[in-house]
Amino acid sequence: MGRPVAGREEKRSLRVEMSAADFELLEQASTLFGVGKSDLVCRLVRASGGVGIEQPDVWTFC
């Protein structure tokens, strides 16, 4: 297993289970916005945490 590169933020992974219909919506949104599915989920989490609070641009890459 490789070592983390100094100065880089550690990334974590998450497995998400969803219905076939929700997965289809995720794929459609991913295509519509031109980003990968995991990046889209990351951005949605950031945006939902900032509801009602001014946050930095959530559409920057995760």
PDB file of N, CA and C in Angstrom:
ATOM      1  N   MET A   1       0.841  -1.165   0.000  1.00  0.00           N
ATOM      2  CA  MET A   1       0.000   0.000   0.000  1.00  0.00           C
ATOM      3  C   MET A   1       0.894   1.239   0.000  1.00  0.00           C
ATOM      4  N   GLY A   2       0.534   2.236  -0.821  1.00  0.00           N
ATOM      5  CA  GLY A   2       1.336   3.447  -0.927  1.00  0.00           C
ATOM      6  C   GLY A   2       1.160   4.383   0.258  1.00  0.00           C
ATOM      7  N   ARG A   3       2.116   5.257   0.408  1.00  0.00           N
ATOM      8  CA  ARG A   3       2.054   6.260   1.465  1.00  0.00           C
ATOM      9  C   ARG A   3       1.358   7.508   0.949  1.00  0.00           C
ATOM     10  N   PRO A   4       0.650   8.228   1.825  1.00  0.00           N
ATOM     11  CA  PRO A   4       0.032   9.484   1.396  1.00  0.00           C
ATOM     12  C   PRO A   4       1.108  10.512   1.043  1.00  0.00           C
ATOM     13  N   VAL A   5       0.835  11.325   0.062  1.00  0.00           N
ATOM     14  CA  VAL A   5       1.772  12.354  -0.355  1.00  0.00           C
ATOM     15  C   VAL A   5       1.655  13.524   0.615  1.00  0.00           C
ATOM     16  N   ALA A   6       2.783  14.008   1.108  1.00  0.00           N
ATOM     17  CA  ALA A   6       2.791  15.119   2.067  1.00  0.00           C
ATOM     18  C   ALA A   6       2.132  16.343   1.448  1.00  0.00           C
ATOM     19  N   GLY A   7       1.320  17.024   2.239  1.00  0.00           N
ATOM     20  CA  GLY A   7       0.684  18.250   1.777  1.00  0.00           C
ATOM     21  C   GLY A   7      -0.654  18.040   1.093  1.00  0.00           C
ATOM     22  N   ARG A   8      -1.026  16.837   0.827  1.00  0.00           N
ATOM     23  CA  ARG A   8      -2.317  16.572   0.192  1.00  0.00           C
ATOM     24  C   ARG A   8      -3.337  16.195   1.254  1.00  0.00           C
ATOM     25  N   GLU A   9      -4.544  16.686   1.060  1.00  0.00           N
ATOM     26  CA  GLU A   9      -5.617  16.362   1.983  1.00  0.00           C
ATOM     27  C   GLU A   9      -5.993  14.892   1.815  1.00  0.00           C
ATOM     28  N   GLU A  10      -6.142  14.197   2.929  1.00  0.00           N
ATOM     29  CA  GLU A  10      -6.520  12.791   2.881  1.00  0.00           C
ATOM     30  C   GLU A  10      -7.953  12.682   2.375  1.00  0.00           C
ATOM     31  N   LYS A  11      -8.172  11.784   1.441  1.00  0.00           N
ATOM     32  CA  LYS A  11      -9.516  11.566   0.902  1.00  0.00           C
ATOM     33  C   LYS A  11     -10.096  10.322   1.537  1.00  0.00           C
ATOM     34  N   ARG A  12     -11.386  10.361   1.781  1.00  0.00           N
ATOM     35  CA  ARG A  12     -12.089   9.208   2.334  1.00  0.00           C
ATOM     36  C   ARG A  12     -13.118   8.734   1.323  1.00  0.00           C
ATOM     37  N   SER A  13     -13.502   7.497   1.433  1.00  0.00           N
ATOM     38  CA  SER A  13     -14.501   6.963   0.509  1.00  0.00           C
ATOM     39  C   SER A  13     -15.751   6.559   1.282  1.00  0.00           C
ATOM     40  N   LEU A  14     -16.828   6.476   0.552  1.00  0.00           N
ATOM     41  CA  LEU A  14     -18.110   6.130   1.135  1.00  0.00           C
ATOM     42  C   LEU A  14     -18.876   5.302   0.111  1.00  0.00           C
ATOM     43  N   ARG A  15     -19.444   4.232   0.561  1.00  0.00           N
ATOM     44  CA  ARG A  15     -20.276   3.418  -0.322  1.00  0.00           C
ATOM     45  C   ARG A  15     -21.728   3.826  -0.092  1.00  0.00           C
ATOM     46  N   VAL A  16     -22.430   4.083  -1.168  1.00  0.00           N
ATOM     47  CA  VAL A  16     -23.814   4.522  -1.082  1.00  0.00           C
ATOM     48  C   VAL A  16     -24.693   3.488  -1.774  1.00  0.00           C
ATOM     49  N   GLU A  17     -25.708   3.047  -1.082  1.00  0.00           N
ATOM     50  CA  GLU A  17     -26.677   2.135  -1.683  1.00  0.00           C
ATOM     51  C   GLU A  17     -27.939   2.920  -1.985  1.00  0.00           C
ATOM     52  N   MET A  18     -28.438   2.793  -3.209  1.00  0.00           N
ATOM     53  CA  MET A  18     -29.641   3.516  -3.613  1.00  0.00           C
ATOM     54  C   MET A  18     -30.449   2.671  -4.577  1.00  0.00           C
ATOM     55  N   SER A  19     -31.686   3.070  -4.733  1.00  0.00           N
ATOM     56  CA  SER A  19     -32.566   2.340  -5.646  1.00  0.00           C
ATOM     57  C   SER A  19     -32.086   2.533  -7.086  1.00  0.00           C
ATOM     58  N   ALA A  20     -32.565   1.681  -7.961  1.00  0.00           N
ATOM     59  CA  ALA A  20     -32.212   1.796  -9.377  1.00  0.00           C
ATOM     60  C   ALA A  20     -32.696   3.134  -9.938  1.00  0.00           C
ATOM     61  N   ALA A  21     -33.868   3.580  -9.492  1.00  0.00           N
ATOM     62  CA  ALA A  21     -34.411   4.859  -9.964  1.00  0.00           C
ATOM     63  C   ALA A  21     -33.531   6.026  -9.513  1.00  0.00           C
ATOM     64  N   ASP A  22     -33.075   6.003  -8.255  1.00  0.00           N
ATOM     65  CA  ASP A  22     -32.205   7.068  -7.761  1.00  0.00           C
ATOM     66  C   ASP A  22     -30.853   7.044  -8.476  1.00  0.00           C
ATOM     67  N   PHE A  23     -30.337   5.847  -8.749  1.00  0.00           N
ATOM     68  CA  PHE A  23     -29.067   5.743  -9.463  1.00  0.00           C
ATOM     69  C   PHE A  23     -29.201   6.304 -10.874  1.00  0.00           C
ATOM     70  N   GLU A  24     -30.330   6.045 -11.517  1.00  0.00           N
ATOM     71  CA  GLU A  24     -30.577   6.584 -12.855  1.00  0.00           C
ATOM     72  C   GLU A  24     -30.603   8.108 -12.817  1.00  0.00           C
ATOM     73  N   LEU A  25     -31.240   8.678 -11.783  1.00  0.00           N
ATOM     74  CA  LEU A  25     -31.262  10.137 -11.632  1.00  0.00           C
ATOM     75  C   LEU A  25     -29.859  10.682 -11.413  1.00  0.00           C
ATOM     76  N   LEU A  26     -29.059   9.977 -10.623  1.00  0.00           N
ATOM     77  CA  LEU A  26     -27.677  10.386 -10.383  1.00  0.00           C
ATOM     78  C   LEU A  26     -26.885  10.383 -11.689  1.00  0.00           C
ATOM     79  N   GLU A  27     -27.054   9.353 -12.496  1.00  0.00           N
ATOM     80  CA  GLU A  27     -26.362   9.281 -13.786  1.00  0.00           C
ATOM     81  C   GLU A  27     -26.806  10.405 -14.718  1.00  0.00           C
ATOM     82  N   GLN A  28     -28.106  10.697 -14.726  1.00  0.00           N
ATOM     83  CA  GLN A  28     -28.616  11.786 -15.570  1.00  0.00           C
ATOM     84  C   GLN A  28     -28.044  13.132 -15.134  1.00  0.00           C
ATOM     85  N   ALA A  29     -28.039  13.376 -13.823  1.00  0.00           N
ATOM     86  CA  ALA A  29     -27.502  14.634 -13.308  1.00  0.00           C
ATOM     87  C   ALA A  29     -26.003  14.738 -13.593  1.00  0.00           C
ATOM     88  N   SER A  30     -25.303  13.629 -13.459  1.00  0.00           N
ATOM     89  CA  SER A  30     -23.872  13.605 -13.732  1.00  0.00           C
ATOM     90  C   SER A  30     -23.597  13.995 -15.182  1.00  0.00           C
ATOM     91  N   THR A  31     -24.376  13.463 -16.088  1.00  0.00           N
ATOM     92  CA  THR A  31     -24.234  13.793 -17.509  1.00  0.00           C
ATOM     93  C   THR A  31     -24.616  15.247 -17.764  1.00  0.00           C
ATOM     94  N   LEU A  32     -25.724  15.683 -17.174  1.00  0.00           N
ATOM     95  CA  LEU A  32     -26.209  17.049 -17.367  1.00  0.00           C
ATOM     96  C   LEU A  32     -25.178  18.083 -16.925  1.00  0.00           C
ATOM     97  N   PHE A  33     -24.560  17.868 -15.760  1.00  0.00           N
ATOM     98  CA  PHE A  33     -23.605  18.825 -15.219  1.00  0.00           C
ATOM     99  C   PHE A  33     -22.172  18.580 -15.679  1.00  0.00           C
ATOM    100  N   GLY A  34     -21.945  17.456 -16.354  1.00  0.00           N
ATOM    101  CA  GLY A  34     -20.616  17.174 -16.890  1.00  0.00           C
ATOM    102  C   GLY A  34     -19.578  16.841 -15.837  1.00  0.00           C
ATOM    103  N   VAL A  35     -20.009  16.190 -14.748  1.00  0.00           N
ATOM    104  CA  VAL A  35     -19.088  15.778 -13.690  1.00  0.00           C
ATOM    105  C   VAL A  35     -19.325  14.311 -13.376  1.00  0.00           C
ATOM    106  N   GLY A  36     -18.355  13.681 -12.739  1.00  0.00           N
ATOM    107  CA  GLY A  36     -18.503  12.283 -12.344  1.00  0.00           C
ATOM    108  C   GLY A  36     -19.514  12.132 -11.222  1.00  0.00           C
ATOM    109  N   LYS A  37     -20.012  10.931 -11.066  1.00  0.00           N
ATOM    110  CA  LYS A  37     -21.028  10.664 -10.036  1.00  0.00           C
ATOM    111  C   LYS A  37     -20.501  10.925  -8.633  1.00  0.00           C
ATOM    112  N   SER A  38     -19.287  10.487  -8.331  1.00  0.00           N
ATOM    113  CA  SER A  38     -18.756  10.704  -6.984  1.00  0.00           C
ATOM    114  C   SER A  38     -18.513  12.190  -6.732  1.00  0.00           C
ATOM    115  N   ASP A  39     -18.053  12.907  -7.741  1.00  0.00           N
ATOM    116  CA  ASP A  39     -17.851  14.347  -7.602  1.00  0.00           C
ATOM    117  C   ASP A  39     -19.187  15.058  -7.380  1.00  0.00           C
ATOM    118  N   LEU A  40     -20.208  14.638  -8.091  1.00  0.00           N
ATOM    119  CA  LEU A  40     -21.538  15.229  -7.930  1.00  0.00           C
ATOM    120  C   LEU A  40     -22.067  15.002  -6.517  1.00  0.00           C
ATOM    121  N   VAL A  41     -21.917  13.791  -5.986  1.00  0.00           N
ATOM    122  CA  VAL A  41     -22.366  13.501  -4.625  1.00  0.00           C
ATOM    123  C   VAL A  41     -21.603  14.374  -3.630  1.00  0.00           C
ATOM    124  N   CYS A  42     -20.299  14.507  -3.820  1.00  0.00           N
ATOM    125  CA  CYS A  42     -19.473  15.344  -2.945  1.00  0.00           C
ATOM    126  C   CYS A  42     -19.979  16.787  -2.963  1.00  0.00           C
ATOM    127  N   ARG A  43     -20.253  17.320  -4.123  1.00  0.00           N
ATOM    128  CA  ARG A  43     -20.741  18.688  -4.249  1.00  0.00           C
ATOM    129  C   ARG A  43     -22.111  18.861  -3.610  1.00  0.00           C
ATOM    130  N   LEU A  44     -22.981  17.862  -3.767  1.00  0.00           N
ATOM    131  CA  LEU A  44     -24.307  17.937  -3.151  1.00  0.00           C
ATOM    132  C   LEU A  44     -24.207  17.944  -1.628  1.00  0.00           C
ATOM    133  N   VAL A  45     -23.294  17.152  -1.085  1.00  0.00           N
ATOM    134  CA  VAL A  45     -23.090  17.131   0.371  1.00  0.00           C
ATOM    135  C   VAL A  45     -22.599  18.493   0.838  1.00  0.00           C
ATOM    136  N   ARG A  46     -21.628  19.059   0.125  1.00  0.00           N
ATOM    137  CA  ARG A  46     -21.122  20.386   0.492  1.00  0.00           C
ATOM    138  C   ARG A  46     -22.221  21.433   0.418  1.00  0.00           C
ATOM    139  N   ALA A  47     -23.023  21.383  -0.634  1.00  0.00           N
ATOM    140  CA  ALA A  47     -24.093  22.370  -0.807  1.00  0.00           C
ATOM    141  C   ALA A  47     -25.157  22.216   0.277  1.00  0.00           C
ATOM    142  N   SER A  48     -25.488  20.993   0.639  1.00  0.00           N
ATOM    143  CA  SER A  48     -26.528  20.785   1.652  1.00  0.00           C
ATOM    144  C   SER A  48     -26.056  21.252   3.019  1.00  0.00           C
ATOM    145  N   GLY A  49     -24.768  21.178   3.287  1.00  0.00           N
ATOM    146  CA  GLY A  49     -24.223  21.659   4.546  1.00  0.00           C
ATOM    147  C   GLY A  49     -24.230  23.168   4.623  1.00  0.00           C
ATOM    148  N   GLY A  50     -24.302  23.828   3.488  1.00  0.00           N
ATOM    149  CA  GLY A  50     -24.260  25.280   3.454  1.00  0.00           C
ATOM    150  C   GLY A  50     -25.619  25.933   3.289  1.00  0.00           C
ATOM    151  N   VAL A  51     -26.699  25.178   3.408  1.00  0.00           N
ATOM    152  CA  VAL A  51     -28.027  25.751   3.241  1.00  0.00           C
ATOM    153  C   VAL A  51     -28.241  26.798   4.329  1.00  0.00           C
ATOM    154  N   GLY A  52     -28.496  28.019   3.902  1.00  0.00           N
ATOM    155  CA  GLY A  52     -28.737  29.108   4.842  1.00  0.00           C
ATOM    156  C   GLY A  52     -27.474  29.743   5.387  1.00  0.00           C
ATOM    157  N   ILE A  53     -26.314  29.195   5.028  1.00  0.00           N
ATOM    158  CA  ILE A  53     -25.036  29.725   5.499  1.00  0.00           C
ATOM    159  C   ILE A  53     -24.191  30.027   4.275  1.00  0.00           C
ATOM    160  N   GLU A  54     -23.598  31.204   4.241  1.00  0.00           N
ATOM    161  CA  GLU A  54     -22.749  31.530   3.099  1.00  0.00           C
ATOM    162  C   GLU A  54     -21.522  30.645   3.113  1.00  0.00           C
ATOM    163  N   GLN A  55     -21.325  29.920   2.036  1.00  0.00           N
ATOM    164  CA  GLN A  55     -20.220  28.971   1.908  1.00  0.00           C
ATOM    165  C   GLN A  55     -19.384  29.322   0.690  1.00  0.00           C
ATOM    166  N   PRO A  56     -18.144  28.868   0.660  1.00  0.00           N
ATOM    167  CA  PRO A  56     -17.353  29.022  -0.560  1.00  0.00           C
ATOM    168  C   PRO A  56     -18.016  28.262  -1.704  1.00  0.00           C
ATOM    169  N   ASP A  57     -17.565  28.519  -2.895  1.00  0.00           N
ATOM    170  CA  ASP A  57     -18.129  27.888  -4.081  1.00  0.00           C
ATOM    171  C   ASP A  57     -18.102  26.363  -3.965  1.00  0.00           C
ATOM    172  N   VAL A  58     -19.292  25.743  -3.904  1.00  0.00           N
ATOM    173  CA  VAL A  58     -19.379  24.283  -3.736  1.00  0.00           C
ATOM    174  C   VAL A  58     -19.131  23.557  -5.052  1.00  0.00           C
ATOM    175  N   TRP A  59     -19.056  24.273  -6.154  1.00  0.00           N
ATOM    176  CA  TRP A  59     -18.881  23.601  -7.430  1.00  0.00           C
ATOM    177  C   TRP A  59     -17.426  23.464  -7.826  1.00  0.00           C
ATOM    178  N   THR A  60     -16.513  23.771  -6.903  1.00  0.00           N
ATOM    179  CA  THR A  60     -15.107  23.468  -7.169  1.00  0.00           C
ATOM    180  C   THR A  60     -14.916  21.973  -6.981  1.00  0.00           C
ATOM    181  N   PHE A  61     -13.917  21.422  -7.601  1.00  0.00           N
ATOM    182  CA  PHE A  61     -13.720  19.974  -7.546  1.00  0.00           C
ATOM    183  C   PHE A  61     -13.355  19.521  -6.134  1.00  0.00           C
ATOM    184  N   CYS A  62     -13.850  18.355  -5.776  1.00  0.00           N
ATOM    185  CA  CYS A  62     -13.608  17.766  -4.448  1.00  0.00           C
ATOM    186  C   CYS A  62     -12.194  17.273  -4.346  1.00  0.00           C
TER     187      CYS A  62
END
